[in-house]
Amino acid sequence: MATFAEYIAQNEERDGIRFSWNVWPSSRLEATRMVVPVGALFTPLKERMDLPPIQYEPVLCSRATCRAVLNPLW
């Protein structure tokens, strides 16, 4: 069985995301006394080998003022 630190490292390596979920408050009183902020660290450019390559150009928003790009992986 892996240690807790190894478990966290494995999940971070797989997804590129680290959560502070282990400090989630269980009551309002605990929430006011929290030292560690609840949040996530996200690695947006993490290379993932399990995702297939996209075979077409990015799909852009059709509005002239918008430059959004459709994310094909969601």
PDB file of N, CA and C in Angstrom:
ATOM      1  N   MET A   1       0.835  -1.185   0.000  1.00  0.00           N
ATOM      2  CA  MET A   1       0.000   0.000   0.000  1.00  0.00           C
ATOM      3  C   MET A   1       0.878   1.246   0.000  1.00  0.00           C
ATOM      4  N   ALA A   2       0.521   2.210  -0.820  1.00  0.00           N
ATOM      5  CA  ALA A   2       1.285   3.445  -0.941  1.00  0.00           C
ATOM      6  C   ALA A   2       0.962   4.392   0.211  1.00  0.00           C
ATOM      7  N   THR A   3       1.913   5.236   0.523  1.00  0.00           N
ATOM      8  CA  THR A   3       1.670   6.242   1.550  1.00  0.00           C
ATOM      9  C   THR A   3       0.770   7.332   0.978  1.00  0.00           C
ATOM     10  N   PHE A   4       0.272   8.181   1.852  1.00  0.00           N
ATOM     11  CA  PHE A   4      -0.610   9.261   1.414  1.00  0.00           C
ATOM     12  C   PHE A   4       0.129  10.214   0.472  1.00  0.00           C
ATOM     13  N   ALA A   5       1.382  10.512   0.773  1.00  0.00           N
ATOM     14  CA  ALA A   5       2.173  11.402  -0.086  1.00  0.00           C
ATOM     15  C   ALA A   5       2.366  10.794  -1.473  1.00  0.00           C
ATOM     16  N   GLU A   6       2.586   9.474  -1.533  1.00  0.00           N
ATOM     17  CA  GLU A   6       2.725   8.805  -2.831  1.00  0.00           C
ATOM     18  C   GLU A   6       1.407   8.825  -3.597  1.00  0.00           C
ATOM     19  N   TYR A   7       0.300   8.657  -2.895  1.00  0.00           N
ATOM     20  CA  TYR A   7      -1.022   8.705  -3.526  1.00  0.00           C
ATOM     21  C   TYR A   7      -1.271  10.074  -4.150  1.00  0.00           C
ATOM     22  N   ILE A   8      -0.959  11.138  -3.419  1.00  0.00           N
ATOM     23  CA  ILE A   8      -1.128  12.501  -3.926  1.00  0.00           C
ATOM     24  C   ILE A   8      -0.225  12.724  -5.136  1.00  0.00           C
ATOM     25  N   ALA A   9       1.024  12.272  -5.055  1.00  0.00           N
ATOM     26  CA  ALA A   9       1.965  12.450  -6.166  1.00  0.00           C
ATOM     27  C   ALA A   9       1.503  11.698  -7.413  1.00  0.00           C
ATOM     28  N   GLN A  10       0.945  10.493  -7.248  1.00  0.00           N
ATOM     29  CA  GLN A  10       0.442   9.722  -8.394  1.00  0.00           C
ATOM     30  C   GLN A  10      -0.715  10.446  -9.070  1.00  0.00           C
ATOM     31  N   ASN A  11      -1.644  10.963  -8.279  1.00  0.00           N
ATOM     32  CA  ASN A  11      -2.787  11.675  -8.859  1.00  0.00           C
ATOM     33  C   ASN A  11      -2.356  12.963  -9.549  1.00  0.00           C
ATOM     34  N   GLU A  12      -1.415  13.668  -8.958  1.00  0.00           N
ATOM     35  CA  GLU A  12      -0.934  14.897  -9.580  1.00  0.00           C
ATOM     36  C   GLU A  12      -0.200  14.588 -10.884  1.00  0.00           C
ATOM     37  N   GLU A  13       0.568  13.527 -10.914  1.00  0.00           N
ATOM     38  CA  GLU A  13       1.285  13.138 -12.131  1.00  0.00           C
ATOM     39  C   GLU A  13       0.316  12.732 -13.237  1.00  0.00           C
ATOM     40  N   ARG A  14      -0.766  12.069 -12.883  1.00  0.00           N
ATOM     41  CA  ARG A  14      -1.746  11.607 -13.868  1.00  0.00           C
ATOM     42  C   ARG A  14      -2.539  12.762 -14.464  1.00  0.00           C
ATOM     43  N   ASP A  15      -3.038  13.670 -13.629  1.00  0.00           N
ATOM     44  CA  ASP A  15      -3.948  14.720 -14.080  1.00  0.00           C
ATOM     45  C   ASP A  15      -3.310  16.099 -14.220  1.00  0.00           C
ATOM     46  N   GLY A  16      -2.256  16.360 -13.494  1.00  0.00           N
ATOM     47  CA  GLY A  16      -1.687  17.702 -13.479  1.00  0.00           C
ATOM     48  C   GLY A  16      -2.459  18.656 -12.589  1.00  0.00           C
ATOM     49  N   ILE A  17      -3.257  18.100 -11.664  1.00  0.00           N
ATOM     50  CA  ILE A  17      -4.080  18.920 -10.770  1.00  0.00           C
ATOM     51  C   ILE A  17      -3.784  18.532  -9.324  1.00  0.00           C
ATOM     52  N   ARG A  18      -3.596  19.536  -8.472  1.00  0.00           N
ATOM     53  CA  ARG A  18      -3.410  19.287  -7.042  1.00  0.00           C
ATOM     54  C   ARG A  18      -4.490  20.048  -6.288  1.00  0.00           C
ATOM     55  N   PHE A  19      -5.251  19.327  -5.482  1.00  0.00           N
ATOM     56  CA  PHE A  19      -6.333  19.925  -4.700  1.00  0.00           C
ATOM     57  C   PHE A  19      -5.934  20.037  -3.237  1.00  0.00           C
ATOM     58  N   SER A  20      -6.552  20.967  -2.553  1.00  0.00           N
ATOM     59  CA  SER A  20      -6.398  21.033  -1.096  1.00  0.00           C
ATOM     60  C   SER A  20      -7.663  20.471  -0.444  1.00  0.00           C
ATOM     61  N   TRP A  21      -8.221  19.420  -1.030  1.00  0.00           N
ATOM     62  CA  TRP A  21      -9.475  18.831  -0.566  1.00  0.00           C
ATOM     63  C   TRP A  21      -9.364  18.212   0.814  1.00  0.00           C
ATOM     64  N   ASN A  22      -8.163  17.853   1.245  1.00  0.00           N
ATOM     65  CA  ASN A  22      -8.023  17.221   2.553  1.00  0.00           C
ATOM     66  C   ASN A  22      -8.205  18.206   3.701  1.00  0.00           C
ATOM     67  N   VAL A  23      -8.361  19.503   3.399  1.00  0.00           N
ATOM     68  CA  VAL A  23      -8.614  20.498   4.443  1.00  0.00           C
ATOM     69  C   VAL A  23     -10.000  21.112   4.292  1.00  0.00           C
ATOM     70  N   TRP A  24     -10.892  20.446   3.589  1.00  0.00           N
ATOM     71  CA  TRP A  24     -12.244  20.971   3.372  1.00  0.00           C
ATOM     72  C   TRP A  24     -12.964  21.091   4.710  1.00  0.00           C
ATOM     73  N   PRO A  25     -13.532  22.255   5.030  1.00  0.00           N
ATOM     74  CA  PRO A  25     -14.186  22.437   6.332  1.00  0.00           C
ATOM     75  C   PRO A  25     -15.499  21.661   6.423  1.00  0.00           C
ATOM     76  N   SER A  26     -15.790  21.161   7.606  1.00  0.00           N
ATOM     77  CA  SER A  26     -17.033  20.412   7.806  1.00  0.00           C
ATOM     78  C   SER A  26     -18.116  21.258   8.473  1.00  0.00           C
ATOM     79  N   SER A  27     -17.782  22.478   8.873  1.00  0.00           N
ATOM     80  CA  SER A  27     -18.771  23.370   9.480  1.00  0.00           C
ATOM     81  C   SER A  27     -18.393  24.820   9.182  1.00  0.00           C
ATOM     82  N   ARG A  28     -19.321  25.725   9.464  1.00  0.00           N
ATOM     83  CA  ARG A  28     -19.034  27.154   9.256  1.00  0.00           C
ATOM     84  C   ARG A  28     -17.926  27.636  10.192  1.00  0.00           C
ATOM     85  N   LEU A  29     -17.915  27.111  11.398  1.00  0.00           N
ATOM     86  CA  LEU A  29     -16.888  27.511  12.352  1.00  0.00           C
ATOM     87  C   LEU A  29     -15.503  27.110  11.850  1.00  0.00           C
ATOM     88  N   GLU A  30     -15.376  25.881  11.350  1.00  0.00           N
ATOM     89  CA  GLU A  30     -14.097  25.444  10.792  1.00  0.00           C
ATOM     90  C   GLU A  30     -13.714  26.279   9.578  1.00  0.00           C
ATOM     91  N   ALA A  31     -14.702  26.658   8.776  1.00  0.00           N
ATOM     92  CA  ALA A  31     -14.430  27.462   7.581  1.00  0.00           C
ATOM     93  C   ALA A  31     -13.847  28.823   7.952  1.00  0.00           C
ATOM     94  N   THR A  32     -14.302  29.406   9.060  1.00  0.00           N
ATOM     95  CA  THR A  32     -13.768  30.706   9.470  1.00  0.00           C
ATOM     96  C   THR A  32     -12.373  30.591  10.069  1.00  0.00           C
ATOM     97  N   ARG A  33     -12.004  29.409  10.532  1.00  0.00           N
ATOM     98  CA  ARG A  33     -10.700  29.205  11.167  1.00  0.00           C
ATOM     99  C   ARG A  33      -9.669  28.562  10.246  1.00  0.00           C
ATOM    100  N   MET A  34     -10.003  28.396   8.982  1.00  0.00           N
ATOM    101  CA  MET A  34      -9.082  27.719   8.063  1.00  0.00           C
ATOM    102  C   MET A  34      -7.807  28.521   7.853  1.00  0.00           C
ATOM    103  N   VAL A  35      -6.696  27.827   7.824  1.00  0.00           N
ATOM    104  CA  VAL A  35      -5.401  28.438   7.559  1.00  0.00           C
ATOM    105  C   VAL A  35      -5.034  28.243   6.088  1.00  0.00           C
ATOM    106  N   VAL A  36      -5.320  27.063   5.556  1.00  0.00           N
ATOM    107  CA  VAL A  36      -5.019  26.735   4.159  1.00  0.00           C
ATOM    108  C   VAL A  36      -6.237  27.052   3.305  1.00  0.00           C
ATOM    109  N   PRO A  37      -6.103  27.856   2.260  1.00  0.00           N
ATOM    110  CA  PRO A  37      -7.261  28.145   1.408  1.00  0.00           C
ATOM    111  C   PRO A  37      -7.666  26.920   0.596  1.00  0.00           C
ATOM    112  N   VAL A  38      -8.970  26.754   0.398  1.00  0.00           N
ATOM    113  CA  VAL A  38      -9.472  25.656  -0.413  1.00  0.00           C
ATOM    114  C   VAL A  38      -9.301  26.053  -1.875  1.00  0.00           C
ATOM    115  N   GLY A  39      -8.672  25.198  -2.645  1.00  0.00           N
ATOM    116  CA  GLY A  39      -8.452  25.530  -4.048  1.00  0.00           C
ATOM    117  C   GLY A  39      -7.788  24.399  -4.793  1.00  0.00           C
ATOM    118  N   ALA A  40      -7.357  24.693  -5.994  1.00  0.00           N
ATOM    119  CA  ALA A  40      -6.699  23.708  -6.843  1.00  0.00           C
ATOM    120  C   ALA A  40      -5.584  24.384  -7.628  1.00  0.00           C
ATOM    121  N   LEU A  41      -4.515  23.647  -7.842  1.00  0.00           N
ATOM    122  CA  LEU A  41      -3.440  24.078  -8.728  1.00  0.00           C
ATOM    123  C   LEU A  41      -3.567  23.256  -9.994  1.00  0.00           C
ATOM    124  N   PHE A  42      -3.641  23.917 -11.128  1.00  0.00           N
ATOM    125  CA  PHE A  42      -3.906  23.266 -12.402  1.00  0.00           C
ATOM    126  C   PHE A  42      -2.744  23.532 -13.353  1.00  0.00           C
ATOM    127  N   THR A  43      -2.256  22.487 -13.999  1.00  0.00           N
ATOM    128  CA  THR A  43      -1.195  22.610 -14.986  1.00  0.00           C
ATOM    129  C   THR A  43      -1.826  22.537 -16.366  1.00  0.00           C
ATOM    130  N   PRO A  44      -2.125  23.676 -17.011  1.00  0.00           N
ATOM    131  CA  PRO A  44      -2.867  23.652 -18.270  1.00  0.00           C
ATOM    132  C   PRO A  44      -2.117  23.030 -19.439  1.00  0.00           C
ATOM    133  N   LEU A  45      -0.806  23.060 -19.450  1.00  0.00           N
ATOM    134  CA  LEU A  45      -0.048  22.510 -20.573  1.00  0.00           C
ATOM    135  C   LEU A  45       0.521  21.129 -20.279  1.00  0.00           C
ATOM    136  N   LYS A  46      -0.063  20.425 -19.321  1.00  0.00           N
ATOM    137  CA  LYS A  46       0.403  19.078 -18.985  1.00  0.00           C
ATOM    138  C   LYS A  46       0.179  18.158 -20.171  1.00  0.00           C
ATOM    139  N   GLU A  47       1.227  17.503 -20.606  1.00  0.00           N
ATOM    140  CA  GLU A  47       1.123  16.583 -21.729  1.00  0.00           C
ATOM    141  C   GLU A  47       0.498  15.279 -21.256  1.00  0.00           C
ATOM    142  N   ARG A  48      -0.534  14.840 -21.961  1.00  0.00           N
ATOM    143  CA  ARG A  48      -1.225  13.600 -21.594  1.00  0.00           C
ATOM    144  C   ARG A  48      -1.174  12.643 -22.771  1.00  0.00           C
ATOM    145  N   MET A  49      -0.615  11.482 -22.555  1.00  0.00           N
ATOM    146  CA  MET A  49      -0.453  10.497 -23.622  1.00  0.00           C
ATOM    147  C   MET A  49      -1.749   9.752 -23.938  1.00  0.00           C
ATOM    148  N   ASP A  50      -2.732   9.781 -23.023  1.00  0.00           N
ATOM    149  CA  ASP A  50      -3.963   9.018 -23.237  1.00  0.00           C
ATOM    150  C   ASP A  50      -4.992   9.769 -24.084  1.00  0.00           C
ATOM    151  N   LEU A  51      -4.712  11.026 -24.461  1.00  0.00           N
ATOM    152  CA  LEU A  51      -5.644  11.792 -25.285  1.00  0.00           C
ATOM    153  C   LEU A  51      -5.277  11.638 -26.759  1.00  0.00           C
ATOM    154  N   PRO A  52      -6.268  11.390 -27.612  1.00  0.00           N
ATOM    155  CA  PRO A  52      -5.967  11.239 -29.040  1.00  0.00           C
ATOM    156  C   PRO A  52      -5.643  12.593 -29.676  1.00  0.00           C
ATOM    157  N   PRO A  53      -4.831  12.597 -30.732  1.00  0.00           N
ATOM    158  CA  PRO A  53      -4.551  13.868 -31.416  1.00  0.00           C
ATOM    159  C   PRO A  53      -5.783  14.357 -32.173  1.00  0.00           C
ATOM    160  N   ILE A  54      -5.923  15.648 -32.281  1.00  0.00           N
ATOM    161  CA  ILE A  54      -7.046  16.254 -32.995  1.00  0.00           C
ATOM    162  C   ILE A  54      -6.673  16.341 -34.475  1.00  0.00           C
ATOM    163  N   GLN A  55      -7.581  15.905 -35.344  1.00  0.00           N
ATOM    164  CA  GLN A  55      -7.285  15.814 -36.770  1.00  0.00           C
ATOM    165  C   GLN A  55      -7.831  16.987 -37.579  1.00  0.00           C
ATOM    166  N   TYR A  56      -8.170  18.107 -36.940  1.00  0.00           N
ATOM    167  CA  TYR A  56      -8.693  19.260 -37.664  1.00  0.00           C
ATOM    168  C   TYR A  56      -8.212  20.547 -37.003  1.00  0.00           C
ATOM    169  N   GLU A  57      -8.364  21.644 -37.715  1.00  0.00           N
ATOM    170  CA  GLU A  57      -7.958  22.951 -37.205  1.00  0.00           C
ATOM    171  C   GLU A  57      -8.882  23.381 -36.059  1.00  0.00           C
ATOM    172  N   PRO A  58      -8.422  24.259 -35.172  1.00  0.00           N
ATOM    173  CA  PRO A  58      -9.275  24.732 -34.071  1.00  0.00           C
ATOM    174  C   PRO A  58     -10.540  25.419 -34.587  1.00  0.00           C
ATOM    175  N   VAL A  59     -11.642  25.242 -33.864  1.00  0.00           N
ATOM    176  CA  VAL A  59     -12.917  25.866 -34.218  1.00  0.00           C
ATOM    177  C   VAL A  59     -13.024  27.174 -33.440  1.00  0.00           C
ATOM    178  N   LEU A  60     -13.067  28.301 -34.175  1.00  0.00           N
ATOM    179  CA  LEU A  60     -13.135  29.622 -33.554  1.00  0.00           C
ATOM    180  C   LEU A  60     -14.577  30.094 -33.467  1.00  0.00           C
ATOM    181  N   CYS A  61     -14.858  30.957 -32.505  1.00  0.00           N
ATOM    182  CA  CYS A  61     -16.174  31.567 -32.362  1.00  0.00           C
ATOM    183  C   CYS A  61     -16.464  32.420 -33.597  1.00  0.00           C
ATOM    184  N   SER A  62     -17.712  32.435 -34.041  1.00  0.00           N
ATOM    185  CA  SER A  62     -18.067  33.142 -35.277  1.00  0.00           C
ATOM    186  C   SER A  62     -18.326  34.637 -35.077  1.00  0.00           C
ATOM    187  N   ARG A  63     -18.445  35.104 -33.834  1.00  0.00           N
ATOM    188  CA  ARG A  63     -18.656  36.538 -33.597  1.00  0.00           C
ATOM    189  C   ARG A  63     -17.358  37.305 -33.849  1.00  0.00           C
ATOM    190  N   ALA A  64     -17.490  38.500 -34.392  1.00  0.00           N
ATOM    191  CA  ALA A  64     -16.314  39.295 -34.751  1.00  0.00           C
ATOM    192  C   ALA A  64     -15.531  39.763 -33.525  1.00  0.00           C
ATOM    193  N   THR A  65     -16.209  40.011 -32.413  1.00  0.00           N
ATOM    194  CA  THR A  65     -15.536  40.534 -31.219  1.00  0.00           C
ATOM    195  C   THR A  65     -15.009  39.438 -30.306  1.00  0.00           C
ATOM    196  N   CYS A  66     -15.321  38.212 -30.602  1.00  0.00           N
ATOM    197  CA  CYS A  66     -14.923  37.090 -29.742  1.00  0.00           C
ATOM    198  C   CYS A  66     -13.813  36.286 -30.418  1.00  0.00           C
ATOM    199  N   ARG A  67     -12.816  35.887 -29.651  1.00  0.00           N
ATOM    200  CA  ARG A  67     -11.741  35.058 -30.199  1.00  0.00           C
ATOM    201  C   ARG A  67     -11.655  33.736 -29.443  1.00  0.00           C
ATOM    202  N   ALA A  68     -12.775  33.264 -28.937  1.00  0.00           N
ATOM    203  CA  ALA A  68     -12.801  32.016 -28.181  1.00  0.00           C
ATOM    204  C   ALA A  68     -12.543  30.833 -29.109  1.00  0.00           C
ATOM    205  N   VAL A  69     -11.966  29.781 -28.556  1.00  0.00           N
ATOM    206  CA  VAL A  69     -11.677  28.565 -29.302  1.00  0.00           C
ATOM    207  C   VAL A  69     -12.404  27.414 -28.621  1.00  0.00           C
ATOM    208  N   LEU A  70     -13.103  26.608 -29.395  1.00  0.00           N
ATOM    209  CA  LEU A  70     -13.809  25.449 -28.869  1.00  0.00           C
ATOM    210  C   LEU A  70     -12.797  24.422 -28.393  1.00  0.00           C
ATOM    211  N   ASN A  71     -12.971  23.933 -27.174  1.00  0.00           N
ATOM    212  CA  ASN A  71     -12.096  22.902 -26.640  1.00  0.00           C
ATOM    213  C   ASN A  71     -12.654  21.542 -27.035  1.00  0.00           C
ATOM    214  N   PRO A  72     -12.009  20.809 -27.919  1.00  0.00           N
ATOM    215  CA  PRO A  72     -12.536  19.526 -28.384  1.00  0.00           C
ATOM    216  C   PRO A  72     -12.388  18.400 -27.371  1.00  0.00           C
ATOM    217  N   LEU A  73     -11.680  18.636 -26.284  1.00  0.00           N
ATOM    218  CA  LEU A  73     -11.427  17.572 -25.317  1.00  0.00           C
ATOM    219  C   LEU A  73     -12.425  17.556 -24.177  1.00  0.00           C
ATOM    220  N   TRP A  74     -13.436  18.439 -24.194  1.00  0.00           N
ATOM    221  CA  TRP A  74     -14.433  18.475 -23.124  1.00  0.00           C
ATOM    222  C   TRP A  74     -15.746  18.008 -23.607  1.00  0.00           C
TER     223      TRP A  74
END
